[in-house]
Structure formats: C-alpha cells, structure tokens
Protein backbone atom coordinates (compact mmCIF):
# COMPACT_ATOMS: atom_id res chain seq x y z
CA UNK A 1 162.27 58.45 13.52
CA UNK A 2 165.79 57.53 15.75
CA UNK A 3 168.82 55.56 14.03
CA UNK A 4 171.30 54.53 15.91
CA UNK A 5 175.28 54.02 14.13
CA UNK A 6 177.53 52.18 16.05
CA UNK A 7 181.07 53.36 14.92
CA UNK A 8 181.93 56.90 14.50
CA UNK A 9 184.83 56.49 12.00
CA UNK A 10 184.62 57.69 8.74
CA UNK A 11 181.83 55.02 7.54
CA UNK A 12 179.84 55.74 10.47
CA UNK A 13 180.03 59.49 10.30
CA UNK A 14 179.57 59.13 6.27
CA UNK A 15 176.48 57.07 7.62
CA UNK A 16 175.28 59.93 9.67
CA UNK A 17 176.06 62.71 7.48
CA UNK A 18 173.98 61.58 4.73
CA UNK A 19 171.20 60.44 6.37
CA UNK A 20 170.86 63.73 8.24
CA UNK A 21 170.77 65.58 5.05
CA UNK A 22 167.96 63.57 3.58
CA UNK A 23 166.21 65.16 6.54
CA UNK A 24 163.81 62.39 7.06
CA UNK A 25 164.67 61.20 11.04
CA UNK A 26 164.40 62.97 13.83
CA UNK A 27 167.28 61.62 15.72
CA UNK A 28 170.59 60.04 14.56
CA UNK A 29 172.57 58.82 17.52
CA UNK A 30 176.32 58.28 16.93
CA UNK A 31 178.29 55.68 19.27
CA UNK A 32 181.62 54.95 20.37
CA UNK A 33 184.30 53.19 22.23
CA UNK A 34 186.93 56.16 21.72
CA UNK A 35 186.27 58.57 24.22
CA UNK A 36 185.07 61.97 22.89
CA UNK A 37 185.06 60.44 19.09
CA UNK A 38 181.37 60.38 18.44
CA UNK A 39 180.76 63.42 20.50
CA UNK A 40 183.12 65.21 18.19
CA UNK A 41 181.71 64.05 15.25
CA UNK A 42 178.20 64.68 16.11
CA UNK A 43 178.88 68.64 17.08
CA UNK A 44 180.89 68.89 13.83
CA UNK A 45 177.99 67.49 11.93
CA UNK A 46 175.57 69.45 13.78
CA UNK A 47 177.13 72.46 12.88
CA UNK A 48 176.64 72.13 9.38
CA UNK A 49 173.14 71.67 9.91
CA UNK A 50 172.36 75.33 8.94
CA UNK A 51 174.52 75.24 5.99
CA UNK A 52 172.96 71.85 4.66
CA UNK A 53 169.60 72.87 5.40
CA UNK A 54 168.40 69.64 7.60
CA UNK A 55 166.93 69.91 11.00
CA UNK A 56 168.00 66.03 12.17
CA UNK A 57 169.42 65.93 15.31
CA UNK A 58 172.96 64.16 15.81
CA UNK A 59 174.24 63.29 19.36
CA UNK A 60 177.22 61.25 20.19
CA UNK A 61 177.98 59.18 23.38
CA UNK A 62 180.67 57.00 24.52
CA UNK A 63 179.95 53.78 25.18
CA UNK A 64 176.29 54.36 26.33
CA UNK A 65 173.70 52.41 24.75
CA UNK A 66 171.16 53.83 26.80
CA UNK A 67 170.96 56.89 24.44
CA UNK A 68 169.88 54.88 21.78
CA UNK A 69 167.01 53.00 23.58
CA UNK A 70 164.09 52.80 21.39
CA UNK A 71 165.83 52.98 17.84
CA UNK A 72 164.03 51.96 14.74
CA UNK A 73 167.18 51.49 13.15
CA UNK A 74 170.66 50.16 14.21
CA UNK A 75 173.35 50.37 11.88
CA UNK A 76 176.74 48.56 12.54
CA UNK A 77 179.85 50.07 11.33
CA UNK A 78 182.09 49.19 14.23
CA UNK A 79 185.19 47.16 13.77
CA UNK A 80 188.60 47.53 12.30
CA UNK A 81 188.93 48.56 8.19
CA UNK A 82 190.47 46.86 5.55
CA UNK A 83 194.31 48.23 5.01
CA UNK A 84 196.21 48.05 1.29
CA UNK A 85 196.32 43.93 0.51
CA UNK A 86 193.82 42.42 2.93
CA UNK A 87 190.89 40.45 2.30
CA UNK A 88 187.55 41.44 4.12
CA UNK A 89 187.75 37.73 5.12
CA UNK A 90 190.93 38.93 7.30
CA UNK A 91 189.00 40.75 9.65
CA UNK A 92 186.77 37.88 10.85
CA UNK A 93 188.48 37.27 14.41
CA UNK A 94 188.43 40.68 15.52
CA UNK A 95 184.80 42.00 14.13
CA UNK A 96 183.28 39.02 15.19
CA UNK A 97 183.67 39.81 18.89
CA UNK A 98 182.97 43.37 18.07
CA UNK A 99 179.85 42.60 15.98
CA UNK A 100 178.36 40.03 19.03
CA UNK A 101 178.70 42.66 21.46
CA UNK A 102 176.93 45.43 19.86
CA UNK A 103 174.18 43.46 18.88
CA UNK A 104 173.55 42.10 22.04
CA UNK A 105 173.62 45.89 23.45
CA UNK A 106 171.44 46.75 20.54
CA UNK A 107 168.73 44.24 21.06
CA UNK A 108 168.71 45.23 24.85
CA UNK A 109 167.92 48.60 24.52
CA UNK A 110 166.00 48.42 21.23
CA UNK A 111 164.52 45.17 20.82
CA UNK A 112 162.32 46.14 18.14
CA UNK A 113 165.03 47.74 15.71
CA UNK A 114 166.09 46.50 12.29
CA UNK A 115 169.65 45.82 12.13
CA UNK A 116 171.62 46.68 9.26
CA UNK A 117 175.20 45.71 8.97
CA UNK A 118 178.12 47.39 7.42
CA UNK A 119 181.18 45.54 8.95
CA UNK A 120 183.30 43.15 6.97
CA UNK A 121 183.37 40.55 6.24
CA UNK A 122 179.88 41.72 5.44
CA UNK A 123 177.61 38.62 4.70
CA UNK A 124 179.40 36.72 7.81
CA UNK A 125 178.90 39.38 10.13
CA UNK A 126 175.26 39.59 9.11
CA UNK A 127 174.58 36.35 9.72
CA UNK A 128 176.31 36.29 13.02
CA UNK A 129 173.97 39.58 13.81
CA UNK A 130 170.96 37.11 12.96
CA UNK A 131 172.09 34.60 15.36
CA UNK A 132 172.88 36.93 18.33
CA UNK A 133 170.21 38.80 18.08
CA UNK A 134 167.15 36.27 17.65
CA UNK A 135 165.41 38.60 15.51
CA UNK A 136 163.24 37.39 12.56
CA UNK A 137 165.07 37.32 9.35
CA UNK A 138 163.49 40.33 7.68
CA UNK A 139 164.97 42.58 10.29
CA UNK A 140 168.54 41.93 9.76
CA UNK A 141 170.31 43.27 7.00
CA UNK A 142 173.71 43.71 5.26
CA UNK A 143 174.36 46.46 3.29
CA UNK A 144 176.81 45.23 0.61
CA UNK A 145 175.06 44.66 -2.58
CA UNK A 146 173.53 48.32 -2.56
CA UNK A 147 177.11 49.67 -2.49
CA UNK A 148 178.65 46.80 -4.77
CA UNK A 149 175.48 47.89 -7.43
CA UNK A 150 176.52 51.55 -7.60
CA UNK A 151 180.12 50.52 -7.96
CA UNK A 152 179.05 48.61 -10.71
CA UNK A 153 176.96 51.09 -12.40
CA UNK A 154 180.00 53.34 -11.92
CA UNK A 155 181.87 50.89 -14.04
CA UNK A 156 179.52 50.61 -16.72
CA UNK A 157 178.84 54.20 -17.03
CA UNK A 158 182.71 54.94 -17.30
CA UNK A 159 183.01 52.54 -19.96
CA UNK A 160 179.87 53.66 -21.85
CA UNK A 161 180.78 57.22 -21.55
CA UNK A 162 176.98 57.73 -20.31
CA UNK A 163 175.73 59.50 -17.67
CA UNK A 164 175.31 57.37 -14.52
CA UNK A 165 171.19 58.07 -14.25
CA UNK A 166 171.17 56.17 -18.01
CA UNK A 167 172.26 52.75 -16.14
CA UNK A 168 170.64 50.03 -14.40
CA UNK A 169 172.46 47.06 -12.86
CA UNK A 170 172.23 44.65 -9.85
CA UNK A 171 174.99 43.01 -8.10
CA UNK A 172 174.20 39.86 -6.28
CA UNK A 173 176.26 37.22 -4.39
CA UNK A 174 178.77 37.79 -1.37
CA UNK A 175 180.53 41.44 -0.42
CA UNK A 176 183.93 40.18 -1.10
CA UNK A 177 186.48 40.36 -4.10
CA UNK A 178 185.92 36.65 -5.34
CA UNK A 179 181.89 36.27 -4.29
CA UNK A 180 180.70 39.10 -5.70
CA UNK A 181 178.51 38.49 -8.78
CA UNK A 182 177.81 41.61 -10.84
CA UNK A 183 175.01 40.46 -13.47
CA UNK A 184 176.05 42.02 -16.89
CA UNK A 185 172.90 40.25 -18.07
CA UNK A 186 170.41 42.33 -16.36
CA UNK A 187 172.49 45.23 -17.05
CA UNK A 188 170.45 48.17 -19.07
CA UNK A 189 171.18 51.92 -20.42
CA UNK A 190 167.62 53.22 -20.29
CA UNK A 191 166.20 49.78 -20.92
CA UNK A 192 168.49 48.39 -23.58
CA UNK A 193 170.82 45.78 -22.48
CA UNK A 194 174.40 47.24 -21.96
CA UNK A 195 175.76 44.54 -23.95
CA UNK A 196 174.58 46.06 -27.20
CA UNK A 197 176.66 49.25 -26.52
CA UNK A 198 179.63 47.56 -25.20
CA UNK A 199 182.28 45.48 -27.09
CA UNK A 200 182.48 41.96 -26.07
CA UNK A 201 186.20 42.16 -25.30
CA UNK A 202 185.26 45.18 -22.82
CA UNK A 203 182.53 42.97 -21.02
CA UNK A 204 184.82 41.14 -18.62
CA UNK A 205 187.06 43.92 -17.70
CA UNK A 206 184.13 45.96 -16.77
CA UNK A 207 182.65 43.14 -14.47
CA UNK A 208 185.96 42.42 -12.89
CA UNK A 209 186.90 46.12 -12.14
CA UNK A 210 183.47 46.09 -10.38
CA UNK A 211 184.34 43.41 -7.97
CA UNK A 212 187.59 44.58 -6.65
CA UNK A 213 186.05 47.93 -6.55
CA UNK A 214 187.02 47.96 -2.42
CA UNK A 215 190.11 46.81 -3.03
CA UNK A 216 191.13 49.30 -5.73
CA UNK A 217 190.00 52.28 -3.23
CA UNK A 218 191.83 50.69 0.04
CA UNK A 219 194.77 50.82 -2.17
CA UNK A 220 194.79 53.99 -3.32
CA UNK A 221 193.40 55.27 -0.04
CA UNK A 222 195.49 53.14 2.61
CA UNK A 223 192.16 52.41 4.12
CA UNK A 224 188.46 51.27 3.64
CA UNK A 225 186.10 53.90 1.68
CA UNK A 226 183.45 55.93 3.27
CA UNK A 227 181.61 58.19 0.86
CA UNK A 228 180.09 55.24 -0.87
CA UNK A 229 179.59 53.05 1.99
CA UNK A 230 177.70 55.99 4.07
CA UNK A 231 175.68 56.74 0.83
CA UNK A 232 174.62 52.92 0.34
CA UNK A 233 173.83 52.66 4.08
CA UNK A 234 171.44 56.32 3.96
CA UNK A 235 169.19 54.65 0.57
CA UNK A 236 168.61 51.43 2.77
CA UNK A 237 167.86 53.31 5.58
CA UNK A 238 165.45 55.83 4.05
CA UNK A 239 163.87 52.45 1.97
CA UNK A 240 162.87 51.36 5.40
CA UNK A 241 161.61 54.09 7.40
CA UNK A 242 159.88 55.81 4.53
CA UNK A 243 158.27 52.17 3.50
CA UNK A 244 159.60 52.74 0.06
CA UNK A 245 159.17 49.23 -0.82
CA UNK A 246 162.31 49.96 -3.11
CA UNK A 247 164.42 46.66 -4.63
CA UNK A 248 167.80 46.76 -3.02
CA UNK A 249 170.38 43.67 -3.01
CA UNK A 250 171.20 42.90 0.40
CA UNK A 251 172.71 40.51 2.23
CA UNK A 252 169.75 38.60 4.15
CA UNK A 253 169.11 35.02 5.99
CA UNK A 254 168.17 32.56 2.97
CA UNK A 255 165.95 29.57 3.91
CA UNK A 256 165.50 27.82 0.58
CA UNK A 257 165.67 30.67 -1.66
CA UNK A 258 168.05 30.43 -4.76
CA UNK A 259 168.35 26.80 -3.26
CA UNK A 260 170.80 27.78 -0.37
CA UNK A 261 169.67 27.47 3.45
CA UNK A 262 170.92 28.75 6.56
CA UNK A 263 173.55 31.64 4.74
CA UNK A 264 173.49 35.28 4.91
CA UNK A 265 174.45 36.43 1.09
CA UNK A 266 173.43 39.48 -1.13
CA UNK A 267 169.90 38.90 -3.00
CA UNK A 268 167.81 41.70 -4.31
CA UNK A 269 165.20 42.44 -1.92
CA UNK A 270 162.32 44.51 -1.33
CA UNK A 271 162.80 47.18 1.60
CA UNK A 272 159.77 48.62 3.30
CA UNK A 273 159.11 49.43 6.78
CA UNK A 274 159.08 45.87 7.83
CA UNK A 275 162.79 45.74 6.62
CA UNK A 276 163.47 43.08 4.13
CA UNK A 277 159.99 42.37 3.30
CA UNK A 278 160.41 40.26 0.10
CA UNK A 279 163.41 38.26 -1.20
CA UNK A 280 162.92 38.44 -5.15
CA UNK A 281 164.54 35.32 -7.30
CA UNK A 282 165.25 36.17 -10.44
CA UNK A 283 166.03 33.44 -13.13
CA UNK A 284 169.89 33.25 -13.22
CA UNK A 285 171.48 31.50 -16.39
CA UNK A 286 173.40 28.13 -15.64
CA UNK A 287 177.05 30.06 -15.13
CA UNK A 288 175.53 32.62 -13.22
CA UNK A 289 173.78 30.11 -10.91
CA UNK A 290 177.14 28.15 -10.89
CA UNK A 291 179.01 31.44 -9.43
CA UNK A 292 176.31 32.37 -6.90
CA UNK A 293 176.70 28.64 -5.45
CA UNK A 294 180.47 29.13 -5.68
CA UNK A 295 180.01 32.62 -3.43
CA UNK A 296 177.85 30.59 -1.02
CA UNK A 297 180.59 28.15 -0.65
CA UNK A 298 182.99 30.85 0.30
CA UNK A 299 180.47 32.54 2.84
CA UNK A 300 180.42 29.11 4.51
CA UNK A 301 183.85 28.82 4.85
CA UNK A 302 184.21 32.06 6.45
CA UNK A 303 181.26 31.10 8.71
CA UNK A 304 182.70 27.99 9.90
CA UNK A 305 185.31 30.19 11.54
CA UNK A 306 182.75 32.05 13.75
C-alpha cells in the first residue's frame, strides 16, 4: 500500500510519522514545493525506523508528482497554516489555488486514489477537491471531524477527571470555531451519559472549549497544531487501507442526507476500503438540527468565495 502526503511541513511530517509507526503501509511519499524539505524530513524519519520498530519506506521529493504514481491514498496538507487571531476561513484565497493544483496532479498520477483533505478551511477545500477531481463522493473526505472529536473527548475527560479511554463522543458540523457541533447529548463515559457525571453549569464551557480547540493551540504555538492532525489523519488512513469499517466523523459531500445538498460538512461516516462507504444519519434534537443547518450556511458562504 502506498500513501502520498502533499505538504512536508509540521502537519505533513506528523502524518508521515504516525502512519509509518503504525506499520500498515509499505511506502509513504512526502511531496513539497520547497527544495530539499520533503527529502530532509523523509531522511530524518527513516533514521528513526530502527528506534521505533517500523519497516515503512519514507521518501521525499520536491514537486515531482511522478513519484506519487499509483498511490492508494493522497493526503493534502499543503497550504498556509493559521496564525494567531486568524480564522480558518481567512486562508481560502491562497489555499484554494494550492488545493486545486495539487488535486489535479494527484488525479493525473493516481486516478484511483482516495483523497483525504486536511488543508483549511477544511470543508470548503474538501468540496473544491471533490469538484476538481471528479471522483465519486465516497473517494474524497475531509479529516476535520476525527480531530475535533478527539479534542472534545480531551475536554470531557479533563472536566470529569476521567481517563480518556472511558470517553466516547462525537463532533459533527463544520471544521470551524463557529460551525463545530460537539454533541454533548451523545457523549458517554463507559456507556453512561456524561451529563450524569458533569454538573449542568459545566456543559456549555466544555462544549465551547472543544469548539475553539484549534484556535487555543494556535494562540499558544503561534501556528496551527500538528500532533493532533497527524494522528487524526493516520486513524482515517488506517481505517481505509485496513478496511476497518470504523465510524469516524468526516467531511463528505451530502446529497440529501441531513436535508443538505451540494455541500461537504462533517457527519458520521463508515470508513473502509472504499473510503466513505456509508453516511450515518443520527437523530438530532431541534436545537442540534438548527445548529447543524447554521453551520452548513456558514460553509456555503465560504464556498461562494471559491
């Protein structure tokens, strides 16, 4: 199995590292436009292989998409990252040009690849990759919900003073500070609703902290986070290539599901060898439905800029 990662910055390199360490693919190819960056990151990572016990081959190339030919999955991380005070939506001008160009080259050399988008604003970039690639809807996914859900679980475990492994939760909606919808009503600790453990006055602060998880890290780090996104990508890639049939919230094209059309937004998806194999339509409350629809409206506003 072969995975291409476009963009050898902090996020792309973390994706490569986590995928390699899991040892389920034969080759990872890093691509970047900066001379020597992908090659250097690949070499550095390969020199950890005996230390971390993996046999995955990692190579790096500068703007040479022929090296990516025959990829099973292509991960798009390229583009400019957020800086403190920036919204994901402010990145659209530069990143739309990058994602369009990258998608065209991926499809040229790997027409059967599944595309996984990480670049922000994620839902709009996923929609753009879907339109540019011409691939079936199941073969273009946005990573956002996997990461957002992990951040929501972190905040819940923190508030409950509980181990992370006890927590199950779900985040749908847009991968944005205003459009994210952490579903407190679906969150559990060992199958018990978290609302039975968490005082009501903490419900809103926990949800809000999860929604601004990316912005919080950007303010602390001075740029976008990379460990969390890298791990989230690895989970989705593994679910596809190992045909795990895992339910993972991802941004996918909706065609009537959740009463939405012609939009990519985060919903629960069964992820397997064919990509987004099934969209799961969960029952939402009236309030949750209204928030989801509002998030969709926000994504459409950004899509209109494309």
